[in-house]
Amino acid sequence: MTPSPAPIPVTVLVVAKAPIPGLAKTRLAATVGDRAAADIAAAALLDTLDAVAETPVTHRVVAMTGELDHACRAGEIRDRLADFTVIPQRGDDFADRLANAHTDAATVRQPVLQIGMDTPQVSAELLTACAHRLIDASAVLGMARDGGWWVLGVSDGASAGCLRDVPMSQSDTGAVTLAALEHTGIPVTLVEELHDVDAVDDIPAVRAACSPSSRFAQATRGL
């Protein structure tokens, strides 16, 4: 019997927000309503967690904010989180919380590969490829089609501190993040660009990249 390959010595970090109606995906909610938007966010989170759980790395961490008890699909999310180390987000704004999450996830001295919950099409194969790239790089960055980024990996969690000076959720967030990393002397390896989900117009492209049986595809059918 051939032994399984050793896990990749990388921590995959998911930064997530409890999908609570009225608080989750507010741009999407303006079109489809609060509950539908929160359910889509929950589906995206669960699909993302499934992909991370199947990625052969040594550690999997979720930095969570929000009251999960009030979230859509709360029971299913809680069951899925049993396979992860869950830590609270901390910080005054989103950039601060991202930087702190990298530090808090780096409980062992190994690279951290961080994603969010807006790219439910992400696969274990893609995350595995990103983790392998990170082993041989100081940083990896995957741009999003809207100008942001969907994945950031750093060999040293402290390197993510430069995110505190990056304006988030803007059309140039990806470019500014790349510049901030390079300004600190960190060479960056770019990886695959993906669509992410913020508004209803983003759904068709993301759904087309998902498995038809995925939660996201099922939750967005008809949109």
N, C-alpha and C. Protein backbone atom coordinates (compact mmCIF):
# COMPACT_ATOMS: atom_id res chain seq x y z
N MET A 1 0.85 -1.19 0.00
CA MET A 1 0.00 0.00 0.00
C MET A 1 0.89 1.25 0.00
N THR A 2 0.66 2.15 -0.97
CA THR A 2 1.47 3.36 -1.08
C THR A 2 1.07 4.36 0.01
N PRO A 3 2.03 4.82 0.82
CA PRO A 3 1.68 5.78 1.86
C PRO A 3 1.23 7.11 1.27
N SER A 4 0.35 7.81 1.98
CA SER A 4 -0.12 9.12 1.54
C SER A 4 1.02 10.13 1.64
N PRO A 5 1.07 11.09 0.71
CA PRO A 5 2.11 12.13 0.80
C PRO A 5 1.98 12.90 2.11
N ALA A 6 3.09 13.38 2.61
CA ALA A 6 3.08 14.17 3.84
C ALA A 6 2.31 15.46 3.59
N PRO A 7 1.55 15.95 4.60
CA PRO A 7 0.83 17.21 4.43
C PRO A 7 1.80 18.36 4.15
N ILE A 8 1.33 19.33 3.41
CA ILE A 8 2.14 20.51 3.10
C ILE A 8 2.23 21.35 4.38
N PRO A 9 3.44 21.76 4.78
CA PRO A 9 3.58 22.52 6.03
C PRO A 9 3.16 23.98 5.87
N VAL A 10 1.85 24.15 5.68
CA VAL A 10 1.23 25.46 5.50
C VAL A 10 -0.05 25.50 6.31
N THR A 11 -0.36 26.67 6.88
CA THR A 11 -1.65 26.90 7.53
C THR A 11 -2.57 27.61 6.56
N VAL A 12 -3.74 27.02 6.28
CA VAL A 12 -4.74 27.73 5.48
C VAL A 12 -5.69 28.43 6.45
N LEU A 13 -5.81 29.73 6.25
CA LEU A 13 -6.62 30.59 7.12
C LEU A 13 -7.82 31.11 6.33
N VAL A 14 -9.02 30.88 6.83
CA VAL A 14 -10.24 31.43 6.24
C VAL A 14 -10.73 32.57 7.14
N VAL A 15 -10.85 33.75 6.59
CA VAL A 15 -11.39 34.89 7.33
C VAL A 15 -12.86 35.01 6.96
N ALA A 16 -13.74 34.84 7.95
CA ALA A 16 -15.16 34.68 7.67
C ALA A 16 -16.02 35.54 8.60
N LYS A 17 -17.20 35.85 8.09
CA LYS A 17 -18.20 36.61 8.84
C LYS A 17 -19.46 35.78 8.92
N ALA A 18 -20.06 35.69 10.10
CA ALA A 18 -21.29 34.93 10.25
C ALA A 18 -22.35 35.48 9.29
N PRO A 19 -22.96 34.63 8.46
CA PRO A 19 -23.92 35.11 7.45
C PRO A 19 -25.29 35.42 8.07
N ILE A 20 -25.38 36.56 8.70
CA ILE A 20 -26.59 36.98 9.40
C ILE A 20 -27.43 37.88 8.49
N PRO A 21 -28.72 37.60 8.30
CA PRO A 21 -29.56 38.46 7.47
C PRO A 21 -29.51 39.92 7.94
N GLY A 22 -29.31 40.80 7.00
CA GLY A 22 -29.21 42.22 7.31
C GLY A 22 -27.79 42.70 7.52
N LEU A 23 -26.86 41.75 7.75
CA LEU A 23 -25.46 42.11 7.97
C LEU A 23 -24.54 41.50 6.93
N ALA A 24 -24.99 40.45 6.27
CA ALA A 24 -24.16 39.75 5.29
C ALA A 24 -24.50 40.18 3.88
N LYS A 25 -23.46 40.39 3.07
CA LYS A 25 -23.63 40.66 1.64
C LYS A 25 -24.66 41.76 1.39
N THR A 26 -24.42 42.94 1.94
CA THR A 26 -25.40 44.01 1.86
C THR A 26 -25.61 44.51 0.42
N ARG A 27 -24.56 44.50 -0.41
CA ARG A 27 -24.74 44.91 -1.81
C ARG A 27 -25.61 43.91 -2.55
N LEU A 28 -25.41 42.64 -2.29
CA LEU A 28 -26.25 41.61 -2.89
C LEU A 28 -27.67 41.69 -2.34
N ALA A 29 -27.78 41.97 -1.04
CA ALA A 29 -29.10 42.04 -0.39
C ALA A 29 -29.96 43.15 -0.98
N ALA A 30 -29.35 44.20 -1.48
CA ALA A 30 -30.13 45.29 -2.07
C ALA A 30 -30.94 44.81 -3.26
N THR A 31 -30.51 43.70 -3.87
CA THR A 31 -31.21 43.15 -5.03
C THR A 31 -32.08 41.95 -4.67
N VAL A 32 -31.55 41.04 -3.84
CA VAL A 32 -32.26 39.78 -3.60
C VAL A 32 -32.92 39.70 -2.23
N GLY A 33 -32.66 40.66 -1.35
CA GLY A 33 -33.22 40.65 0.00
C GLY A 33 -32.23 40.12 1.02
N ASP A 34 -32.46 40.50 2.27
CA ASP A 34 -31.50 40.18 3.34
C ASP A 34 -31.33 38.68 3.55
N ARG A 35 -32.43 37.95 3.62
CA ARG A 35 -32.33 36.53 3.94
C ARG A 35 -31.70 35.74 2.79
N ALA A 36 -32.11 36.04 1.57
CA ALA A 36 -31.52 35.33 0.43
C ALA A 36 -30.03 35.61 0.33
N ALA A 37 -29.64 36.86 0.55
CA ALA A 37 -28.21 37.21 0.49
C ALA A 37 -27.42 36.48 1.57
N ALA A 38 -27.98 36.41 2.77
CA ALA A 38 -27.29 35.71 3.86
C ALA A 38 -27.20 34.21 3.58
N ASP A 39 -28.24 33.64 2.97
CA ASP A 39 -28.20 32.22 2.65
C ASP A 39 -27.15 31.94 1.58
N ILE A 40 -27.03 32.83 0.60
CA ILE A 40 -25.99 32.68 -0.42
C ILE A 40 -24.61 32.78 0.22
N ALA A 41 -24.45 33.72 1.15
CA ALA A 41 -23.17 33.85 1.85
C ALA A 41 -22.85 32.59 2.65
N ALA A 42 -23.86 32.01 3.28
CA ALA A 42 -23.65 30.78 4.04
C ALA A 42 -23.24 29.64 3.12
N ALA A 43 -23.90 29.54 1.97
CA ALA A 43 -23.56 28.50 1.00
C ALA A 43 -22.12 28.67 0.52
N ALA A 44 -21.73 29.92 0.25
CA ALA A 44 -20.35 30.19 -0.21
C ALA A 44 -19.34 29.81 0.87
N LEU A 45 -19.65 30.15 2.11
CA LEU A 45 -18.74 29.81 3.20
C LEU A 45 -18.58 28.30 3.34
N LEU A 46 -19.69 27.57 3.29
CA LEU A 46 -19.62 26.12 3.45
C LEU A 46 -18.86 25.46 2.31
N ASP A 47 -19.08 25.91 1.08
CA ASP A 47 -18.32 25.36 -0.04
C ASP A 47 -16.82 25.64 0.13
N THR A 48 -16.50 26.83 0.60
CA THR A 48 -15.10 27.19 0.83
C THR A 48 -14.48 26.30 1.90
N LEU A 49 -15.20 26.10 3.00
CA LEU A 49 -14.68 25.26 4.07
C LEU A 49 -14.49 23.82 3.61
N ASP A 50 -15.38 23.33 2.76
CA ASP A 50 -15.21 21.98 2.21
C ASP A 50 -13.90 21.88 1.43
N ALA A 51 -13.63 22.89 0.59
CA ALA A 51 -12.40 22.87 -0.21
C ALA A 51 -11.17 22.91 0.68
N VAL A 52 -11.21 23.73 1.72
CA VAL A 52 -10.06 23.82 2.63
C VAL A 52 -9.87 22.51 3.39
N ALA A 53 -10.97 21.91 3.81
CA ALA A 53 -10.88 20.65 4.55
C ALA A 53 -10.24 19.55 3.71
N GLU A 54 -10.39 19.61 2.40
CA GLU A 54 -9.83 18.60 1.51
C GLU A 54 -8.40 18.92 1.07
N THR A 55 -7.90 20.08 1.46
CA THR A 55 -6.55 20.49 1.05
C THR A 55 -5.53 19.87 2.00
N PRO A 56 -4.54 19.19 1.50
CA PRO A 56 -3.61 18.44 2.36
C PRO A 56 -2.53 19.32 3.00
N VAL A 57 -2.96 20.13 3.96
CA VAL A 57 -2.03 20.99 4.70
C VAL A 57 -2.04 20.57 6.17
N THR A 58 -1.08 21.10 6.93
CA THR A 58 -0.95 20.66 8.32
C THR A 58 -1.92 21.35 9.26
N HIS A 59 -2.35 22.60 8.93
CA HIS A 59 -3.25 23.32 9.83
C HIS A 59 -4.31 24.06 9.04
N ARG A 60 -5.52 24.10 9.62
CA ARG A 60 -6.65 24.82 9.01
C ARG A 60 -7.31 25.66 10.10
N VAL A 61 -7.39 26.96 9.86
CA VAL A 61 -7.87 27.91 10.87
C VAL A 61 -8.97 28.77 10.25
N VAL A 62 -10.00 29.06 11.02
CA VAL A 62 -11.03 30.03 10.62
C VAL A 62 -11.03 31.17 11.63
N ALA A 63 -10.83 32.39 11.14
CA ALA A 63 -10.97 33.59 11.97
C ALA A 63 -12.38 34.12 11.74
N MET A 64 -13.22 34.03 12.76
CA MET A 64 -14.65 34.29 12.61
C MET A 64 -15.06 35.54 13.37
N THR A 65 -16.01 36.28 12.79
CA THR A 65 -16.64 37.37 13.50
C THR A 65 -18.15 37.25 13.33
N GLY A 66 -18.91 37.75 14.31
CA GLY A 66 -20.37 37.69 14.25
C GLY A 66 -20.94 36.56 15.07
N GLU A 67 -22.21 36.70 15.41
CA GLU A 67 -22.90 35.71 16.23
C GLU A 67 -23.45 34.59 15.36
N LEU A 68 -22.80 33.47 15.38
CA LEU A 68 -23.19 32.36 14.52
C LEU A 68 -24.60 31.86 14.83
N ASP A 69 -25.06 32.02 16.06
CA ASP A 69 -26.40 31.56 16.43
C ASP A 69 -27.48 32.24 15.59
N HIS A 70 -27.21 33.44 15.09
CA HIS A 70 -28.20 34.19 14.31
C HIS A 70 -28.01 34.06 12.81
N ALA A 71 -27.08 33.22 12.41
CA ALA A 71 -26.72 33.11 11.00
C ALA A 71 -27.59 32.09 10.26
N CYS A 72 -27.69 32.26 8.95
CA CYS A 72 -28.30 31.23 8.11
C CYS A 72 -27.42 29.98 8.13
N ARG A 73 -28.07 28.82 8.10
CA ARG A 73 -27.39 27.52 8.09
C ARG A 73 -26.42 27.38 9.27
N ALA A 74 -26.81 27.94 10.41
CA ALA A 74 -25.91 27.98 11.57
C ALA A 74 -25.49 26.58 12.00
N GLY A 75 -26.42 25.63 12.04
CA GLY A 75 -26.07 24.28 12.48
C GLY A 75 -25.08 23.61 11.54
N GLU A 76 -25.29 23.78 10.25
CA GLU A 76 -24.39 23.16 9.28
C GLU A 76 -23.00 23.80 9.34
N ILE A 77 -22.96 25.11 9.50
CA ILE A 77 -21.67 25.79 9.62
C ILE A 77 -20.94 25.34 10.87
N ARG A 78 -21.66 25.26 11.98
CA ARG A 78 -21.02 24.84 13.23
C ARG A 78 -20.46 23.42 13.12
N ASP A 79 -21.20 22.54 12.48
CA ASP A 79 -20.71 21.17 12.29
C ASP A 79 -19.44 21.16 11.42
N ARG A 80 -19.42 21.96 10.38
CA ARG A 80 -18.26 22.01 9.49
C ARG A 80 -17.05 22.59 10.20
N LEU A 81 -17.28 23.57 11.07
CA LEU A 81 -16.18 24.22 11.80
C LEU A 81 -15.52 23.28 12.81
N ALA A 82 -16.15 22.16 13.11
CA ALA A 82 -15.56 21.21 14.05
C ALA A 82 -14.23 20.67 13.53
N ASP A 83 -14.01 20.76 12.22
CA ASP A 83 -12.76 20.26 11.64
C ASP A 83 -11.69 21.34 11.55
N PHE A 84 -11.95 22.52 12.12
CA PHE A 84 -11.04 23.64 12.04
C PHE A 84 -10.71 24.17 13.44
N THR A 85 -9.57 24.84 13.53
CA THR A 85 -9.31 25.66 14.71
C THR A 85 -9.99 27.00 14.47
N VAL A 86 -10.88 27.40 15.36
CA VAL A 86 -11.64 28.65 15.19
C VAL A 86 -11.11 29.69 16.17
N ILE A 87 -10.76 30.85 15.65
CA ILE A 87 -10.28 31.95 16.48
C ILE A 87 -11.13 33.18 16.21
N PRO A 88 -11.26 34.09 17.18
CA PRO A 88 -12.04 35.31 16.94
C PRO A 88 -11.21 36.33 16.16
N GLN A 89 -11.89 37.11 15.35
CA GLN A 89 -11.23 38.24 14.72
C GLN A 89 -11.07 39.36 15.75
N ARG A 90 -10.01 40.13 15.61
CA ARG A 90 -9.81 41.26 16.51
C ARG A 90 -9.19 42.41 15.72
N GLY A 91 -9.60 43.62 16.06
CA GLY A 91 -9.08 44.79 15.36
C GLY A 91 -10.16 45.83 15.17
N ASP A 92 -9.73 47.05 14.83
CA ASP A 92 -10.65 48.17 14.71
C ASP A 92 -11.33 48.25 13.35
N ASP A 93 -10.70 47.73 12.31
CA ASP A 93 -11.30 47.74 10.98
C ASP A 93 -10.89 46.46 10.27
N PHE A 94 -11.39 46.28 9.04
CA PHE A 94 -11.18 45.01 8.35
C PHE A 94 -9.70 44.76 8.07
N ALA A 95 -8.98 45.81 7.66
CA ALA A 95 -7.55 45.64 7.39
C ALA A 95 -6.80 45.21 8.64
N ASP A 96 -7.15 45.81 9.77
CA ASP A 96 -6.52 45.45 11.03
C ASP A 96 -6.85 44.01 11.42
N ARG A 97 -8.10 43.60 11.19
CA ARG A 97 -8.50 42.24 11.52
C ARG A 97 -7.78 41.21 10.64
N LEU A 98 -7.58 41.55 9.36
CA LEU A 98 -6.85 40.65 8.48
C LEU A 98 -5.42 40.45 8.97
N ALA A 99 -4.74 41.56 9.26
CA ALA A 99 -3.36 41.48 9.72
C ALA A 99 -3.26 40.68 11.02
N ASN A 100 -4.17 40.94 11.96
CA ASN A 100 -4.15 40.22 13.23
C ASN A 100 -4.46 38.74 13.04
N ALA A 101 -5.35 38.42 12.09
CA ALA A 101 -5.69 37.02 11.85
C ALA A 101 -4.47 36.23 11.38
N HIS A 102 -3.65 36.85 10.54
CA HIS A 102 -2.42 36.19 10.11
C HIS A 102 -1.51 35.90 11.30
N THR A 103 -1.37 36.89 12.15
CA THR A 103 -0.53 36.71 13.34
C THR A 103 -1.08 35.62 14.25
N ASP A 104 -2.40 35.66 14.48
CA ASP A 104 -3.03 34.71 15.40
C ASP A 104 -3.04 33.29 14.83
N ALA A 105 -3.09 33.17 13.50
CA ALA A 105 -3.11 31.83 12.89
C ALA A 105 -1.73 31.20 12.88
N ALA A 106 -0.71 32.02 12.99
CA ALA A 106 0.67 31.52 12.91
C ALA A 106 1.14 31.02 14.27
N THR A 107 0.38 30.09 14.86
CA THR A 107 0.76 29.53 16.16
C THR A 107 1.95 28.59 16.03
N VAL A 108 2.16 28.09 14.82
CA VAL A 108 3.38 27.34 14.52
C VAL A 108 4.12 28.12 13.44
N ARG A 109 5.43 28.02 13.43
CA ARG A 109 6.22 28.82 12.50
C ARG A 109 6.20 28.18 11.11
N GLN A 110 5.15 28.52 10.37
CA GLN A 110 5.06 28.04 9.00
C GLN A 110 4.23 29.05 8.21
N PRO A 111 4.28 29.00 6.88
CA PRO A 111 3.55 29.98 6.08
C PRO A 111 2.04 29.92 6.30
N VAL A 112 1.39 31.07 6.08
CA VAL A 112 -0.07 31.18 6.21
C VAL A 112 -0.65 31.59 4.87
N LEU A 113 -1.62 30.81 4.40
CA LEU A 113 -2.32 31.07 3.14
C LEU A 113 -3.75 31.46 3.49
N GLN A 114 -4.12 32.70 3.23
CA GLN A 114 -5.41 33.22 3.69
C GLN A 114 -6.37 33.48 2.54
N ILE A 115 -7.62 33.04 2.73
CA ILE A 115 -8.68 33.32 1.78
C ILE A 115 -9.89 33.83 2.54
N GLY A 116 -10.87 34.33 1.79
CA GLY A 116 -12.13 34.77 2.39
C GLY A 116 -13.24 33.78 2.07
N MET A 117 -14.48 34.28 2.03
CA MET A 117 -15.63 33.42 1.78
C MET A 117 -16.41 33.88 0.54
N ASP A 118 -15.74 34.64 -0.34
CA ASP A 118 -16.40 35.19 -1.53
C ASP A 118 -16.05 34.45 -2.81
N THR A 119 -15.29 33.37 -2.71
CA THR A 119 -14.90 32.59 -3.90
C THR A 119 -15.25 31.12 -3.69
N PRO A 120 -16.56 30.79 -3.69
CA PRO A 120 -16.96 29.41 -3.41
C PRO A 120 -16.52 28.42 -4.49
N GLN A 121 -16.05 28.94 -5.62
CA GLN A 121 -15.56 28.05 -6.68
C GLN A 121 -14.16 27.52 -6.40
N VAL A 122 -13.52 28.01 -5.35
CA VAL A 122 -12.16 27.57 -5.05
C VAL A 122 -12.15 26.06 -4.78
N SER A 123 -11.11 25.40 -5.23
CA SER A 123 -11.03 23.95 -5.09
C SER A 123 -9.83 23.56 -4.25
N ALA A 124 -9.87 22.33 -3.75
CA ALA A 124 -8.72 21.81 -3.01
C ALA A 124 -7.49 21.77 -3.91
N GLU A 125 -7.69 21.48 -5.20
CA GLU A 125 -6.56 21.42 -6.13
C GLU A 125 -5.90 22.79 -6.27
N LEU A 126 -6.72 23.85 -6.40
CA LEU A 126 -6.16 25.19 -6.53
C LEU A 126 -5.46 25.61 -5.24
N LEU A 127 -6.07 25.34 -4.10
CA LEU A 127 -5.44 25.70 -2.83
C LEU A 127 -4.14 24.92 -2.61
N THR A 128 -4.14 23.67 -3.03
CA THR A 128 -2.91 22.87 -2.92
C THR A 128 -1.80 23.47 -3.76
N ALA A 129 -2.14 23.89 -4.98
CA ALA A 129 -1.14 24.51 -5.85
C ALA A 129 -0.62 25.81 -5.23
N CYS A 130 -1.52 26.61 -4.65
CA CYS A 130 -1.10 27.85 -4.00
C CYS A 130 -0.19 27.57 -2.80
N ALA A 131 -0.53 26.54 -2.03
CA ALA A 131 0.29 26.18 -0.87
C ALA A 131 1.68 25.74 -1.30
N HIS A 132 1.76 24.96 -2.36
CA HIS A 132 3.07 24.54 -2.87
C HIS A 132 3.88 25.75 -3.34
N ARG A 133 3.22 26.70 -4.02
CA ARG A 133 3.92 27.90 -4.47
C ARG A 133 4.45 28.68 -3.27
N LEU A 134 3.67 28.74 -2.19
CA LEU A 134 4.07 29.50 -1.02
C LEU A 134 5.29 28.91 -0.32
N ILE A 135 5.44 27.61 -0.40
CA ILE A 135 6.61 26.97 0.22
C ILE A 135 7.91 27.55 -0.34
N ASP A 136 7.89 27.90 -1.62
CA ASP A 136 9.10 28.38 -2.28
C ASP A 136 9.10 29.88 -2.50
N ALA A 137 8.14 30.61 -1.90
CA ALA A 137 8.02 32.05 -2.13
C ALA A 137 7.89 32.78 -0.80
N SER A 138 8.21 34.07 -0.82
CA SER A 138 8.01 34.90 0.37
C SER A 138 6.53 35.27 0.53
N ALA A 139 5.83 35.42 -0.61
CA ALA A 139 4.42 35.77 -0.57
C ALA A 139 3.77 35.35 -1.89
N VAL A 140 2.49 34.98 -1.82
CA VAL A 140 1.71 34.74 -3.03
C VAL A 140 0.45 35.60 -2.93
N LEU A 141 -0.03 36.05 -4.08
CA LEU A 141 -1.21 36.92 -4.12
C LEU A 141 -2.03 36.55 -5.35
N GLY A 142 -3.32 36.33 -5.13
CA GLY A 142 -4.23 36.05 -6.23
C GLY A 142 -5.22 37.19 -6.36
N MET A 143 -5.21 37.86 -7.49
CA MET A 143 -6.09 39.00 -7.70
C MET A 143 -7.52 38.55 -7.97
N ALA A 144 -8.46 39.41 -7.61
CA ALA A 144 -9.87 39.21 -7.96
C ALA A 144 -10.22 40.12 -9.14
N ARG A 145 -11.20 39.71 -9.93
CA ARG A 145 -11.53 40.45 -11.14
C ARG A 145 -12.08 41.84 -10.86
N ASP A 146 -12.55 42.09 -9.64
CA ASP A 146 -13.10 43.41 -9.32
C ASP A 146 -12.03 44.39 -8.83
N GLY A 147 -10.78 43.97 -8.83
CA GLY A 147 -9.70 44.84 -8.38
C GLY A 147 -9.18 44.53 -7.00
N GLY A 148 -9.85 43.63 -6.29
CA GLY A 148 -9.38 43.21 -4.97
C GLY A 148 -8.46 42.00 -5.09
N TRP A 149 -8.42 41.18 -4.05
CA TRP A 149 -7.67 39.93 -4.11
C TRP A 149 -8.45 38.86 -3.35
N TRP A 150 -8.22 37.60 -3.76
CA TRP A 150 -8.96 36.51 -3.14
C TRP A 150 -8.08 35.63 -2.25
N VAL A 151 -6.77 35.65 -2.47
CA VAL A 151 -5.88 34.84 -1.65
C VAL A 151 -4.59 35.61 -1.41
N LEU A 152 -4.10 35.51 -0.18
CA LEU A 152 -2.82 36.10 0.19
C LEU A 152 -2.08 35.09 1.05
N GLY A 153 -0.88 34.75 0.63
CA GLY A 153 -0.05 33.86 1.43
C GLY A 153 1.25 34.54 1.77
N VAL A 154 1.69 34.40 3.02
CA VAL A 154 2.96 34.98 3.45
C VAL A 154 3.76 33.91 4.20
N SER A 155 5.06 33.92 3.99
CA SER A 155 5.91 32.94 4.67
C SER A 155 6.09 33.27 6.14
N ASP A 156 5.88 34.54 6.48
CA ASP A 156 5.99 35.02 7.86
C ASP A 156 4.75 35.84 8.16
N GLY A 157 3.97 35.41 9.17
CA GLY A 157 2.72 36.10 9.48
C GLY A 157 2.88 37.59 9.72
N ALA A 158 4.03 38.00 10.23
CA ALA A 158 4.25 39.42 10.49
C ALA A 158 4.25 40.24 9.21
N SER A 159 4.52 39.61 8.09
CA SER A 159 4.55 40.32 6.80
C SER A 159 3.18 40.89 6.45
N ALA A 160 2.12 40.28 6.96
CA ALA A 160 0.78 40.76 6.66
C ALA A 160 0.46 42.07 7.38
N GLY A 161 1.36 42.53 8.24
CA GLY A 161 1.13 43.79 8.94
C GLY A 161 0.97 44.96 7.98
N CYS A 162 1.54 44.85 6.78
CA CYS A 162 1.42 45.95 5.81
C CYS A 162 -0.02 46.14 5.35
N LEU A 163 -0.90 45.15 5.59
CA LEU A 163 -2.30 45.29 5.20
C LEU A 163 -3.00 46.41 5.96
N ARG A 164 -2.47 46.77 7.11
CA ARG A 164 -3.11 47.82 7.90
C ARG A 164 -3.15 49.17 7.17
N ASP A 165 -2.27 49.35 6.20
CA ASP A 165 -2.22 50.60 5.45
C ASP A 165 -2.92 50.50 4.09
N VAL A 166 -3.61 49.39 3.84
CA VAL A 166 -4.26 49.17 2.55
C VAL A 166 -5.76 49.43 2.68
N PRO A 167 -6.32 50.36 1.90
CA PRO A 167 -7.78 50.55 1.90
C PRO A 167 -8.45 49.31 1.32
N MET A 168 -9.39 48.75 2.06
CA MET A 168 -10.05 47.52 1.64
C MET A 168 -11.34 47.80 0.87
N SER A 169 -11.76 46.80 0.11
CA SER A 169 -13.02 46.84 -0.64
C SER A 169 -13.08 48.00 -1.62
N GLN A 170 -11.96 48.27 -2.29
CA GLN A 170 -11.90 49.29 -3.31
C GLN A 170 -11.42 48.67 -4.62
N SER A 171 -11.58 49.40 -5.71
CA SER A 171 -11.23 48.87 -7.01
C SER A 171 -9.72 48.69 -7.20
N ASP A 172 -8.93 49.31 -6.32
CA ASP A 172 -7.48 49.18 -6.43
C ASP A 172 -6.86 48.45 -5.23
N THR A 173 -7.68 47.77 -4.44
CA THR A 173 -7.15 47.08 -3.25
C THR A 173 -6.08 46.06 -3.61
N GLY A 174 -6.29 45.31 -4.69
CA GLY A 174 -5.29 44.32 -5.08
C GLY A 174 -3.97 44.95 -5.46
N ALA A 175 -4.03 46.01 -6.27
CA ALA A 175 -2.81 46.68 -6.70
C ALA A 175 -2.08 47.33 -5.52
N VAL A 176 -2.85 47.93 -4.60
CA VAL A 176 -2.24 48.57 -3.44
C VAL A 176 -1.63 47.53 -2.50
N THR A 177 -2.28 46.38 -2.37
CA THR A 177 -1.73 45.30 -1.55
C THR A 177 -0.41 44.81 -2.14
N LEU A 178 -0.38 44.61 -3.45
CA LEU A 178 0.84 44.18 -4.10
C LEU A 178 1.96 45.19 -3.87
N ALA A 179 1.65 46.47 -4.03
CA ALA A 179 2.65 47.52 -3.83
C ALA A 179 3.12 47.57 -2.39
N ALA A 180 2.20 47.37 -1.43
CA ALA A 180 2.56 47.42 -0.01
C ALA A 180 3.52 46.28 0.34
N LEU A 181 3.25 45.10 -0.19
CA LEU A 181 4.15 43.97 0.07
C LEU A 181 5.52 44.22 -0.55
N GLU A 182 5.53 44.68 -1.78
CA GLU A 182 6.81 44.91 -2.45
C GLU A 182 7.58 46.06 -1.80
N HIS A 183 6.85 47.04 -1.26
CA HIS A 183 7.51 48.18 -0.61
C HIS A 183 8.28 47.74 0.63
N THR A 184 7.81 46.67 1.27
CA THR A 184 8.50 46.17 2.46
C THR A 184 9.63 45.22 2.09
N GLY A 185 9.88 45.07 0.79
CA GLY A 185 10.98 44.21 0.34
C GLY A 185 10.60 42.76 0.15
N ILE A 186 9.30 42.46 0.12
CA ILE A 186 8.83 41.09 -0.02
C ILE A 186 8.52 40.80 -1.48
N PRO A 187 9.26 39.90 -2.13
CA PRO A 187 8.91 39.52 -3.51
C PRO A 187 7.61 38.72 -3.52
N VAL A 188 6.75 39.03 -4.48
CA VAL A 188 5.41 38.44 -4.52
C VAL A 188 5.26 37.57 -5.77
N THR A 189 4.76 36.36 -5.58
CA THR A 189 4.42 35.48 -6.68
C THR A 189 2.92 35.56 -6.93
N LEU A 190 2.52 35.95 -8.13
CA LEU A 190 1.10 36.05 -8.45
C LEU A 190 0.56 34.68 -8.86
N VAL A 191 -0.65 34.37 -8.38
CA VAL A 191 -1.31 33.11 -8.72
C VAL A 191 -2.61 33.43 -9.45
N GLU A 192 -3.39 32.42 -9.72
CA GLU A 192 -4.58 32.54 -10.57
C GLU A 192 -5.55 33.63 -10.10
N GLU A 193 -6.07 34.38 -11.05
CA GLU A 193 -7.09 35.40 -10.76
C GLU A 193 -8.47 34.73 -10.77
N LEU A 194 -9.34 35.16 -9.84
CA LEU A 194 -10.69 34.61 -9.76
C LEU A 194 -11.73 35.73 -9.68
N HIS A 195 -12.95 35.40 -10.08
CA HIS A 195 -14.10 36.25 -9.77
C HIS A 195 -14.46 36.05 -8.31
N ASP A 196 -14.92 37.10 -7.64
CA ASP A 196 -15.53 36.92 -6.32
C ASP A 196 -16.95 37.48 -6.35
N VAL A 197 -17.69 37.22 -5.28
CA VAL A 197 -19.11 37.55 -5.24
C VAL A 197 -19.35 38.71 -4.28
N ASP A 198 -19.77 39.83 -4.84
CA ASP A 198 -20.19 40.97 -4.02
C ASP A 198 -21.61 41.40 -4.35
N ALA A 199 -21.96 41.36 -5.62
CA ALA A 199 -23.27 41.82 -6.08
C ALA A 199 -23.89 40.77 -6.99
N VAL A 200 -25.15 40.97 -7.34
CA VAL A 200 -25.88 39.96 -8.10
C VAL A 200 -25.26 39.73 -9.47
N ASP A 201 -24.64 40.75 -10.06
CA ASP A 201 -24.02 40.58 -11.38
C ASP A 201 -22.80 39.67 -11.35
N ASP A 202 -22.24 39.43 -10.16
CA ASP A 202 -21.08 38.55 -10.03
C ASP A 202 -21.46 37.07 -10.02
N ILE A 203 -22.73 36.79 -9.77
CA ILE A 203 -23.14 35.40 -9.52
C ILE A 203 -22.95 34.49 -10.73
N PRO A 204 -23.37 34.88 -11.95
CA PRO A 204 -23.26 33.91 -13.06
C PRO A 204 -21.85 33.38 -13.30
N ALA A 205 -20.84 34.27 -13.28
CA ALA A 205 -19.46 33.83 -13.54
C ALA A 205 -18.96 32.90 -12.46
N VAL A 206 -19.29 33.20 -11.21
CA VAL A 206 -18.84 32.35 -10.10
C VAL A 206 -19.57 31.01 -10.14
N ARG A 207 -20.88 31.05 -10.36
CA ARG A 207 -21.65 29.80 -10.41
C ARG A 207 -21.16 28.90 -11.54
N ALA A 208 -20.77 29.48 -12.68
CA ALA A 208 -20.28 28.69 -13.80
C ALA A 208 -18.99 27.96 -13.46
N ALA A 209 -18.24 28.49 -12.51
CA ALA A 209 -16.97 27.87 -12.10
C ALA A 209 -17.16 26.87 -10.96
N CYS A 210 -18.36 26.80 -10.41
CA CYS A 210 -18.67 25.87 -9.31
C CYS A 210 -19.23 24.57 -9.87
N SER A 211 -19.14 23.53 -9.06
CA SER A 211 -19.84 22.30 -9.39
C SER A 211 -21.35 22.56 -9.35
N PRO A 212 -22.12 21.99 -10.29
CA PRO A 212 -23.57 22.18 -10.26
C PRO A 212 -24.22 21.69 -8.97
N SER A 213 -23.55 20.76 -8.28
CA SER A 213 -24.09 20.23 -7.03
C SER A 213 -23.66 21.03 -5.81
N SER A 214 -22.85 22.07 -6.00
CA SER A 214 -22.37 22.86 -4.86
C SER A 214 -23.52 23.62 -4.22
N ARG A 215 -23.35 23.96 -2.98
CA ARG A 215 -24.37 24.73 -2.27
C ARG A 215 -24.59 26.08 -2.93
N PHE A 216 -23.48 26.72 -3.37
CA PHE A 216 -23.62 28.03 -3.98
C PHE A 216 -24.45 27.95 -5.27
N ALA A 217 -24.17 26.96 -6.10
CA ALA A 217 -24.93 26.81 -7.33
C ALA A 217 -26.40 26.59 -7.04
N GLN A 218 -26.69 25.78 -6.04
CA GLN A 218 -28.09 25.51 -5.69
C GLN A 218 -28.77 26.75 -5.09
N ALA A 219 -28.04 27.48 -4.27
CA ALA A 219 -28.63 28.66 -3.60
C ALA A 219 -28.88 29.80 -4.56
N THR A 220 -28.16 29.84 -5.67
CA THR A 220 -28.28 30.96 -6.61
C THR A 220 -29.04 30.58 -7.86
N ARG A 221 -29.60 29.42 -7.89
CA ARG A 221 -30.35 28.99 -9.08
C ARG A 221 -31.49 29.96 -9.34
N GLY A 222 -31.59 30.42 -10.56
CA GLY A 222 -32.66 31.36 -10.91
C GLY A 222 -32.25 32.81 -10.82
N LEU A 223 -31.06 33.10 -10.30
CA LEU A 223 -30.60 34.49 -10.20
C LEU A 223 -29.69 34.82 -11.38
